[in-house]
Amino acid sequence: MFCANDQLALGVLHAFAESGVRVPHEVSVVGFDDVEGSAHFFPPLTTVAPDFTALGRVCLEQMVSAMAGASPTPVLVGSALTVRASTAAPRSM
């Protein structure tokens, strides 16, 4: 399950634990934003860590360009996948 952020993923981990669903044995969980402490969730959370510095720079550049009358241009900002214990390889069928 891919969650929009790590806090939602924490809630999902909690709900699965209460329901007896074993993570990652039965389902993998991935968060987004790599908040401080996500390595200490149970199990430690696999997460996508966006480059917030680059994102901020791009947003500011886009805003300044828009204020000067330019049209915004799509820009990809990098991110990194931090694999921890909340994910596992798919089981064979």
PDB file of N, CA and C in Angstrom:
ATOM      1  N   MET A   1       0.854  -1.146   0.000  1.00  0.00           N
ATOM      2  CA  MET A   1       0.000   0.000   0.000  1.00  0.00           C
ATOM      3  C   MET A   1       0.909   1.219   0.000  1.00  0.00           C
ATOM      4  N   PHE A   2       0.648   2.167  -0.908  1.00  0.00           N
ATOM      5  CA  PHE A   2       1.424   3.409  -0.942  1.00  0.00           C
ATOM      6  C   PHE A   2       0.587   4.502  -0.305  1.00  0.00           C
ATOM      7  N   CYS A   3       1.127   5.138   0.717  1.00  0.00           N
ATOM      8  CA  CYS A   3       0.408   6.183   1.449  1.00  0.00           C
ATOM      9  C   CYS A   3       0.924   7.561   1.045  1.00  0.00           C
ATOM     10  N   ALA A   4       0.060   8.555   1.082  1.00  0.00           N
ATOM     11  CA  ALA A   4       0.408   9.905   0.651  1.00  0.00           C
ATOM     12  C   ALA A   4       1.484  10.547   1.518  1.00  0.00           C
ATOM     13  N   ASN A   5       1.609  10.100   2.768  1.00  0.00           N
ATOM     14  CA  ASN A   5       2.678  10.602   3.625  1.00  0.00           C
ATOM     15  C   ASN A   5       2.960   9.577   4.721  1.00  0.00           C
ATOM     16  N   ASP A   6       4.030   9.807   5.453  1.00  0.00           N
ATOM     17  CA  ASP A   6       4.444   8.839   6.469  1.00  0.00           C
ATOM     18  C   ASP A   6       3.477   8.771   7.645  1.00  0.00           C
ATOM     19  N   GLN A   7       2.814   9.859   7.973  1.00  0.00           N
ATOM     20  CA  GLN A   7       1.860   9.827   9.075  1.00  0.00           C
ATOM     21  C   GLN A   7       0.665   8.947   8.732  1.00  0.00           C
ATOM     22  N   LEU A   8       0.191   9.018   7.495  1.00  0.00           N
ATOM     23  CA  LEU A   8      -0.888   8.116   7.067  1.00  0.00           C
ATOM     24  C   LEU A   8      -0.403   6.675   7.088  1.00  0.00           C
ATOM     25  N   ALA A   9       0.839   6.459   6.680  1.00  0.00           N
ATOM     26  CA  ALA A   9       1.400   5.106   6.706  1.00  0.00           C
ATOM     27  C   ALA A   9       1.460   4.573   8.133  1.00  0.00           C
ATOM     28  N   LEU A  10       1.794   5.432   9.083  1.00  0.00           N
ATOM     29  CA  LEU A  10       1.811   5.027  10.487  1.00  0.00           C
ATOM     30  C   LEU A  10       0.411   4.570  10.915  1.00  0.00           C
ATOM     31  N   GLY A  11      -0.602   5.303  10.505  1.00  0.00           N
ATOM     32  CA  GLY A  11      -1.980   4.912  10.808  1.00  0.00           C
ATOM     33  C   GLY A  11      -2.339   3.584  10.173  1.00  0.00           C
ATOM     34  N   VAL A  12      -1.889   3.365   8.950  1.00  0.00           N
ATOM     35  CA  VAL A  12      -2.137   2.098   8.262  1.00  0.00           C
ATOM     36  C   VAL A  12      -1.441   0.959   8.998  1.00  0.00           C
ATOM     37  N   LEU A  13      -0.176   1.167   9.397  1.00  0.00           N
ATOM     38  CA  LEU A  13       0.547   0.143  10.155  1.00  0.00           C
ATOM     39  C   LEU A  13      -0.205  -0.205  11.441  1.00  0.00           C
ATOM     40  N   HIS A  14      -0.708   0.813  12.114  1.00  0.00           N
ATOM     41  CA  HIS A  14      -1.452   0.608  13.360  1.00  0.00           C
ATOM     42  C   HIS A  14      -2.737  -0.182  13.099  1.00  0.00           C
ATOM     43  N   ALA A  15      -3.482   0.212  12.068  1.00  0.00           N
ATOM     44  CA  ALA A  15      -4.735  -0.476  11.744  1.00  0.00           C
ATOM     45  C   ALA A  15      -4.475  -1.933  11.356  1.00  0.00           C
ATOM     46  N   PHE A  16      -3.439  -2.162  10.567  1.00  0.00           N
ATOM     47  CA  PHE A  16      -3.103  -3.541  10.209  1.00  0.00           C
ATOM     48  C   PHE A  16      -2.741  -4.348  11.449  1.00  0.00           C
ATOM     49  N   ALA A  17      -1.955  -3.765  12.349  1.00  0.00           N
ATOM     50  CA  ALA A  17      -1.563  -4.476  13.570  1.00  0.00           C
ATOM     51  C   ALA A  17      -2.797  -4.835  14.397  1.00  0.00           C
ATOM     52  N   GLU A  18      -3.734  -3.898  14.541  1.00  0.00           N
ATOM     53  CA  GLU A  18      -4.961  -4.164  15.294  1.00  0.00           C
ATOM     54  C   GLU A  18      -5.818  -5.241  14.639  1.00  0.00           C
ATOM     55  N   SER A  19      -5.728  -5.352  13.313  1.00  0.00           N
ATOM     56  CA  SER A  19      -6.547  -6.317  12.572  1.00  0.00           C
ATOM     57  C   SER A  19      -5.850  -7.658  12.378  1.00  0.00           C
ATOM     58  N   GLY A  20      -4.626  -7.763  12.854  1.00  0.00           N
ATOM     59  CA  GLY A  20      -3.886  -9.014  12.705  1.00  0.00           C
ATOM     60  C   GLY A  20      -3.247  -9.215  11.341  1.00  0.00           C
ATOM     61  N   VAL A  21      -3.190  -8.156  10.545  1.00  0.00           N
ATOM     62  CA  VAL A  21      -2.536  -8.235   9.235  1.00  0.00           C
ATOM     63  C   VAL A  21      -1.039  -8.009   9.452  1.00  0.00           C
ATOM     64  N   ARG A  22      -0.234  -8.951   8.978  1.00  0.00           N
ATOM     65  CA  ARG A  22       1.207  -8.888   9.223  1.00  0.00           C
ATOM     66  C   ARG A  22       1.916  -8.128   8.109  1.00  0.00           C
ATOM     67  N   VAL A  23       2.604  -7.062   8.508  1.00  0.00           N
ATOM     68  CA  VAL A  23       3.402  -6.251   7.584  1.00  0.00           C
ATOM     69  C   VAL A  23       4.856  -6.637   7.812  1.00  0.00           C
ATOM     70  N   PRO A  24       5.615  -6.993   6.805  1.00  0.00           N
ATOM     71  CA  PRO A  24       5.337  -7.043   5.378  1.00  0.00           C
ATOM     72  C   PRO A  24       4.946  -8.428   4.873  1.00  0.00           C
ATOM     73  N   HIS A  25       4.678  -9.385   5.747  1.00  0.00           N
ATOM     74  CA  HIS A  25       4.396 -10.759   5.315  1.00  0.00           C
ATOM     75  C   HIS A  25       3.149 -10.856   4.437  1.00  0.00           C
ATOM     76  N   GLU A  26       2.111 -10.081   4.767  1.00  0.00           N
ATOM     77  CA  GLU A  26       0.861 -10.144   4.007  1.00  0.00           C
ATOM     78  C   GLU A  26       0.669  -8.936   3.105  1.00  0.00           C
ATOM     79  N   VAL A  27       1.217  -7.817   3.490  1.00  0.00           N
ATOM     80  CA  VAL A  27       1.080  -6.592   2.697  1.00  0.00           C
ATOM     81  C   VAL A  27       2.287  -5.701   2.974  1.00  0.00           C
ATOM     82  N   SER A  28       2.761  -5.024   1.940  1.00  0.00           N
ATOM     83  CA  SER A  28       3.842  -4.053   2.099  1.00  0.00           C
ATOM     84  C   SER A  28       3.242  -2.661   2.248  1.00  0.00           C
ATOM     85  N   VAL A  29       3.913  -1.821   3.018  1.00  0.00           N
ATOM     86  CA  VAL A  29       3.448  -0.441   3.229  1.00  0.00           C
ATOM     87  C   VAL A  29       4.612   0.507   2.938  1.00  0.00           C
ATOM     88  N   VAL A  30       4.316   1.550   2.137  1.00  0.00           N
ATOM     89  CA  VAL A  30       5.312   2.561   1.786  1.00  0.00           C
ATOM     90  C   VAL A  30       4.716   3.930   2.070  1.00  0.00           C
ATOM     91  N   GLY A  31       5.512   4.798   2.686  1.00  0.00           N
ATOM     92  CA  GLY A  31       5.086   6.172   2.951  1.00  0.00           C
ATOM     93  C   GLY A  31       5.749   7.142   1.994  1.00  0.00           C
ATOM     94  N   PHE A  32       5.513   8.421   2.221  1.00  0.00           N
ATOM     95  CA  PHE A  32       6.102   9.470   1.389  1.00  0.00           C
ATOM     96  C   PHE A  32       6.443  10.655   2.271  1.00  0.00           C
ATOM     97  N   ASP A  33       7.649  11.068   2.271  1.00  0.00           N
ATOM     98  CA  ASP A  33       8.227  12.282   2.841  1.00  0.00           C
ATOM     99  C   ASP A  33       9.313  12.008   3.873  1.00  0.00           C
ATOM    100  N   ASP A  34       9.500  10.775   4.281  1.00  0.00           N
ATOM    101  CA  ASP A  34      10.580  10.368   5.188  1.00  0.00           C
ATOM    102  C   ASP A  34      10.686  11.292   6.404  1.00  0.00           C
ATOM    103  N   VAL A  35       9.585  11.391   7.155  1.00  0.00           N
ATOM    104  CA  VAL A  35       9.597  12.224   8.352  1.00  0.00           C
ATOM    105  C   VAL A  35      10.558  11.651   9.388  1.00  0.00           C
ATOM    106  N   GLU A  36      11.050  12.527  10.238  1.00  0.00           N
ATOM    107  CA  GLU A  36      11.922  12.079  11.321  1.00  0.00           C
ATOM    108  C   GLU A  36      11.152  11.069  12.174  1.00  0.00           C
ATOM    109  N   GLY A  37      11.766   9.961  12.443  1.00  0.00           N
ATOM    110  CA  GLY A  37      11.133   8.936  13.246  1.00  0.00           C
ATOM    111  C   GLY A  37      10.558   7.781  12.444  1.00  0.00           C
ATOM    112  N   SER A  38      10.428   7.933  11.129  1.00  0.00           N
ATOM    113  CA  SER A  38       9.832   6.856  10.338  1.00  0.00           C
ATOM    114  C   SER A  38      10.679   5.582  10.366  1.00  0.00           C
ATOM    115  N   ALA A  39      11.951   5.723  10.643  1.00  0.00           N
ATOM    116  CA  ALA A  39      12.814   4.540  10.785  1.00  0.00           C
ATOM    117  C   ALA A  39      12.514   3.790  12.083  1.00  0.00           C
ATOM    118  N   HIS A  40      11.759   4.429  12.985  1.00  0.00           N
ATOM    119  CA  HIS A  40      11.454   3.826  14.283  1.00  0.00           C
ATOM    120  C   HIS A  40      10.004   3.361  14.403  1.00  0.00           C
ATOM    121  N   PHE A  41       9.228   3.457  13.295  1.00  0.00           N
ATOM    122  CA  PHE A  41       7.893   2.876  13.299  1.00  0.00           C
ATOM    123  C   PHE A  41       8.053   1.370  13.441  1.00  0.00           C
ATOM    124  N   PHE A  42       6.945   0.664  13.711  1.00  0.00           N
ATOM    125  CA  PHE A  42       7.039  -0.786  13.787  1.00  0.00           C
ATOM    126  C   PHE A  42       6.103  -1.412  12.768  1.00  0.00           C
ATOM    127  N   PRO A  43       6.642  -2.047  11.738  1.00  0.00           N
ATOM    128  CA  PRO A  43       8.063  -2.148  11.420  1.00  0.00           C
ATOM    129  C   PRO A  43       8.585  -0.826  10.859  1.00  0.00           C
ATOM    130  N   PRO A  44       9.912  -0.661  10.841  1.00  0.00           N
ATOM    131  CA  PRO A  44      10.477   0.560  10.254  1.00  0.00           C
ATOM    132  C   PRO A  44       9.931   0.767   8.829  1.00  0.00           C
ATOM    133  N   LEU A  45       9.560   2.005   8.534  1.00  0.00           N
ATOM    134  CA  LEU A  45       8.803   2.315   7.321  1.00  0.00           C
ATOM    135  C   LEU A  45       9.683   2.545   6.101  1.00  0.00           C
ATOM    136  N   THR A  46       9.370   1.825   5.018  1.00  0.00           N
ATOM    137  CA  THR A  46       9.934   2.143   3.709  1.00  0.00           C
ATOM    138  C   THR A  46       9.255   3.420   3.247  1.00  0.00           C
ATOM    139  N   THR A  47      10.037   4.363   2.722  1.00  0.00           N
ATOM    140  CA  THR A  47       9.462   5.654   2.378  1.00  0.00           C
ATOM    141  C   THR A  47      10.190   6.299   1.203  1.00  0.00           C
ATOM    142  N   VAL A  48       9.511   7.213   0.537  1.00  0.00           N
ATOM    143  CA  VAL A  48      10.098   8.010  -0.532  1.00  0.00           C
ATOM    144  C   VAL A  48      10.456   9.365   0.065  1.00  0.00           C
ATOM    145  N   ALA A  49      11.711   9.757  -0.094  1.00  0.00           N
ATOM    146  CA  ALA A  49      12.186  11.030   0.458  1.00  0.00           C
ATOM    147  C   ALA A  49      12.409  12.018  -0.684  1.00  0.00           C
ATOM    148  N   PRO A  50      11.499  12.966  -0.866  1.00  0.00           N
ATOM    149  CA  PRO A  50      11.707  13.964  -1.919  1.00  0.00           C
ATOM    150  C   PRO A  50      12.824  14.921  -1.532  1.00  0.00           C
ATOM    151  N   ASP A  51      13.418  15.532  -2.541  1.00  0.00           N
ATOM    152  CA  ASP A  51      14.455  16.541  -2.310  1.00  0.00           C
ATOM    153  C   ASP A  51      13.741  17.873  -2.071  1.00  0.00           C
ATOM    154  N   PHE A  52      13.394  18.140  -0.802  1.00  0.00           N
ATOM    155  CA  PHE A  52      12.621  19.335  -0.477  1.00  0.00           C
ATOM    156  C   PHE A  52      13.380  20.624  -0.776  1.00  0.00           C
ATOM    157  N   THR A  53      14.707  20.614  -0.684  1.00  0.00           N
ATOM    158  CA  THR A  53      15.497  21.796  -1.014  1.00  0.00           C
ATOM    159  C   THR A  53      15.344  22.134  -2.487  1.00  0.00           C
ATOM    160  N   ALA A  54      15.487  21.130  -3.341  1.00  0.00           N
ATOM    161  CA  ALA A  54      15.318  21.347  -4.777  1.00  0.00           C
ATOM    162  C   ALA A  54      13.879  21.751  -5.101  1.00  0.00           C
ATOM    163  N   LEU A  55      12.914  21.131  -4.432  1.00  0.00           N
ATOM    164  CA  LEU A  55      11.511  21.464  -4.662  1.00  0.00           C
ATOM    165  C   LEU A  55      11.237  22.928  -4.315  1.00  0.00           C
ATOM    166  N   GLY A  56      11.752  23.381  -3.188  1.00  0.00           N
ATOM    167  CA  GLY A  56      11.578  24.780  -2.799  1.00  0.00           C
ATOM    168  C   GLY A  56      12.211  25.734  -3.801  1.00  0.00           C
ATOM    169  N   ARG A  57      13.413  25.372  -4.265  1.00  0.00           N
ATOM    170  CA  ARG A  57      14.111  26.220  -5.239  1.00  0.00           C
ATOM    171  C   ARG A  57      13.305  26.304  -6.535  1.00  0.00           C
ATOM    172  N   VAL A  58      12.820  25.163  -7.022  1.00  0.00           N
ATOM    173  CA  VAL A  58      12.043  25.137  -8.261  1.00  0.00           C
ATOM    174  C   VAL A  58      10.759  25.948  -8.109  1.00  0.00           C
ATOM    175  N   CYS A  59      10.087  25.805  -6.983  1.00  0.00           N
ATOM    176  CA  CYS A  59       8.849  26.568  -6.751  1.00  0.00           C
ATOM    177  C   CYS A  59       9.110  28.066  -6.768  1.00  0.00           C
ATOM    178  N   LEU A  60      10.177  28.479  -6.115  1.00  0.00           N
ATOM    179  CA  LEU A  60      10.513  29.901  -6.089  1.00  0.00           C
ATOM    180  C   LEU A  60      10.859  30.403  -7.487  1.00  0.00           C
ATOM    181  N   GLU A  61      11.639  29.619  -8.234  1.00  0.00           N
ATOM    182  CA  GLU A  61      11.985  30.005  -9.602  1.00  0.00           C
ATOM    183  C   GLU A  61      10.738  30.110 -10.467  1.00  0.00           C
ATOM    184  N   GLN A  62       9.821  29.163 -10.316  1.00  0.00           N
ATOM    185  CA  GLN A  62       8.581  29.188 -11.098  1.00  0.00           C
ATOM    186  C   GLN A  62       7.728  30.405 -10.739  1.00  0.00           C
ATOM    187  N   MET A  63       7.678  30.726  -9.454  1.00  0.00           N
ATOM    188  CA  MET A  63       6.885  31.870  -9.026  1.00  0.00           C
ATOM    189  C   MET A  63       7.463  33.172  -9.575  1.00  0.00           C
ATOM    190  N   VAL A  64       8.776  33.331  -9.487  1.00  0.00           N
ATOM    191  CA  VAL A  64       9.414  34.545 -10.009  1.00  0.00           C
ATOM    192  C   VAL A  64       9.191  34.653 -11.515  1.00  0.00           C
ATOM    193  N   SER A  65       9.319  33.545 -12.231  1.00  0.00           N
ATOM    194  CA  SER A  65       9.085  33.549 -13.674  1.00  0.00           C
ATOM    195  C   SER A  65       7.642  33.907 -13.993  1.00  0.00           C
ATOM    196  N   ALA A  66       6.695  33.355 -13.244  1.00  0.00           N
ATOM    197  CA  ALA A  66       5.282  33.648 -13.472  1.00  0.00           C
ATOM    198  C   ALA A  66       4.979  35.114 -13.215  1.00  0.00           C
ATOM    199  N   MET A  67       5.611  35.668 -12.181  1.00  0.00           N
ATOM    200  CA  MET A  67       5.399  37.097 -11.888  1.00  0.00           C
ATOM    201  C   MET A  67       5.962  37.979 -12.996  1.00  0.00           C
ATOM    202  N   ALA A  68       6.959  37.469 -13.730  1.00  0.00           N
ATOM    203  CA  ALA A  68       7.544  38.212 -14.846  1.00  0.00           C
ATOM    204  C   ALA A  68       6.772  37.965 -16.144  1.00  0.00           C
ATOM    205  N   GLY A  69       5.714  37.143 -16.078  1.00  0.00           N
ATOM    206  CA  GLY A  69       4.861  36.916 -17.238  1.00  0.00           C
ATOM    207  C   GLY A  69       5.128  35.630 -17.986  1.00  0.00           C
ATOM    208  N   ALA A  70       6.091  34.846 -17.553  1.00  0.00           N
ATOM    209  CA  ALA A  70       6.393  33.584 -18.238  1.00  0.00           C
ATOM    210  C   ALA A  70       5.388  32.509 -17.851  1.00  0.00           C
ATOM    211  N   SER A  71       5.202  31.579 -18.735  1.00  0.00           N
ATOM    212  CA  SER A  71       4.344  30.431 -18.439  1.00  0.00           C
ATOM    213  C   SER A  71       5.147  29.404 -17.643  1.00  0.00           C
ATOM    214  N   PRO A  72       4.503  28.749 -16.694  1.00  0.00           N
ATOM    215  CA  PRO A  72       5.236  27.733 -15.931  1.00  0.00           C
ATOM    216  C   PRO A  72       5.627  26.549 -16.821  1.00  0.00           C
ATOM    217  N   THR A  73       6.745  25.966 -16.516  1.00  0.00           N
ATOM    218  CA  THR A  73       7.206  24.794 -17.250  1.00  0.00           C
ATOM    219  C   THR A  73       7.325  23.624 -16.283  1.00  0.00           C
ATOM    220  N   PRO A  74       6.928  22.437 -16.724  1.00  0.00           N
ATOM    221  CA  PRO A  74       7.041  21.268 -15.848  1.00  0.00           C
ATOM    222  C   PRO A  74       8.508  20.983 -15.500  1.00  0.00           C
ATOM    223  N   VAL A  75       8.747  20.656 -14.253  1.00  0.00           N
ATOM    224  CA  VAL A  75      10.095  20.333 -13.775  1.00  0.00           C
ATOM    225  C   VAL A  75       9.991  19.095 -12.889  1.00  0.00           C
ATOM    226  N   LEU A  76      10.852  18.128 -13.124  1.00  0.00           N
ATOM    227  CA  LEU A  76      10.909  16.951 -12.261  1.00  0.00           C
ATOM    228  C   LEU A  76      11.910  17.202 -11.143  1.00  0.00           C
ATOM    229  N   VAL A  77      11.496  16.900  -9.932  1.00  0.00           N
ATOM    230  CA  VAL A  77      12.374  17.044  -8.771  1.00  0.00           C
ATOM    231  C   VAL A  77      12.689  15.637  -8.267  1.00  0.00           C
ATOM    232  N   GLY A  78      13.945  15.387  -7.978  1.00  0.00           N
ATOM    233  CA  GLY A  78      14.373  14.056  -7.575  1.00  0.00           C
ATOM    234  C   GLY A  78      13.862  13.633  -6.204  1.00  0.00           C
ATOM    235  N   SER A  79      13.950  12.340  -5.989  1.00  0.00           N
ATOM    236  CA  SER A  79      13.581  11.762  -4.699  1.00  0.00           C
ATOM    237  C   SER A  79      14.400  10.482  -4.523  1.00  0.00           C
ATOM    238  N   ALA A  80      14.374   9.953  -3.315  1.00  0.00           N
ATOM    239  CA  ALA A  80      15.118   8.731  -3.024  1.00  0.00           C
ATOM    240  C   ALA A  80      14.212   7.767  -2.281  1.00  0.00           C
ATOM    241  N   LEU A  81      14.302   6.507  -2.634  1.00  0.00           N
ATOM    242  CA  LEU A  81      13.558   5.466  -1.945  1.00  0.00           C
ATOM    243  C   LEU A  81      14.432   4.917  -0.829  1.00  0.00           C
ATOM    244  N   THR A  82      13.927   4.966   0.392  1.00  0.00           N
ATOM    245  CA  THR A  82      14.626   4.394   1.539  1.00  0.00           C
ATOM    246  C   THR A  82      13.889   3.120   1.922  1.00  0.00           C
ATOM    247  N   VAL A  83      14.512   1.981   1.641  1.00  0.00           N
ATOM    248  CA  VAL A  83      13.871   0.693   1.889  1.00  0.00           C
ATOM    249  C   VAL A  83      14.151   0.259   3.317  1.00  0.00           C
ATOM    250  N   ARG A  84      13.063  -0.022   4.039  1.00  0.00           N
ATOM    251  CA  ARG A  84      13.159  -0.514   5.411  1.00  0.00           C
ATOM    252  C   ARG A  84      12.301  -1.772   5.524  1.00  0.00           C
ATOM    253  N   ALA A  85      11.937  -2.145   6.719  1.00  0.00           N
ATOM    254  CA  ALA A  85      11.309  -3.453   6.950  1.00  0.00           C
ATOM    255  C   ALA A  85       9.808  -3.521   6.669  1.00  0.00           C
ATOM    256  N   SER A  86       9.169  -2.462   6.223  1.00  0.00           N
ATOM    257  CA  SER A  86       7.726  -2.522   5.977  1.00  0.00           C
ATOM    258  C   SER A  86       7.385  -3.046   4.579  1.00  0.00           C
ATOM    259  N   THR A  87       8.404  -3.407   3.816  1.00  0.00           N
ATOM    260  CA  THR A  87       8.157  -3.949   2.476  1.00  0.00           C
ATOM    261  C   THR A  87       8.907  -5.262   2.299  1.00  0.00           C
ATOM    262  N   ALA A  88       8.360  -6.093   1.427  1.00  0.00           N
ATOM    263  CA  ALA A  88       8.997  -7.366   1.095  1.00  0.00           C
ATOM    264  C   ALA A  88       8.715  -7.669  -0.362  1.00  0.00           C
ATOM    265  N   ALA A  89       9.484  -8.558  -0.927  1.00  0.00           N
ATOM    266  CA  ALA A  89       9.255  -9.000  -2.303  1.00  0.00           C
ATOM    267  C   ALA A  89       7.881  -9.661  -2.397  1.00  0.00           C
ATOM    268  N   PRO A  90       7.219  -9.549  -3.537  1.00  0.00           N
ATOM    269  CA  PRO A  90       5.920 -10.202  -3.693  1.00  0.00           C
ATOM    270  C   PRO A  90       6.045 -11.714  -3.523  1.00  0.00           C
ATOM    271  N   ARG A  91       5.031 -12.292  -2.917  1.00  0.00           N
ATOM    272  CA  ARG A  91       5.008 -13.746  -2.785  1.00  0.00           C
ATOM    273  C   ARG A  91       4.689 -14.362  -4.137  1.00  0.00           C
ATOM    274  N   SER A  92       5.213 -15.544  -4.388  1.00  0.00           N
ATOM    275  CA  SER A  92       4.876 -16.214  -5.649  1.00  0.00           C
ATOM    276  C   SER A  92       3.437 -16.728  -5.571  1.00  0.00           C
ATOM    277  N   MET A  93       2.806 -16.799  -6.686  1.00  0.00           N
ATOM    278  CA  MET A  93       1.404 -17.208  -6.735  1.00  0.00           C
ATOM    279  C   MET A  93       1.290 -18.683  -6.624  1.00  0.00           C
TER     280      MET A  93
END
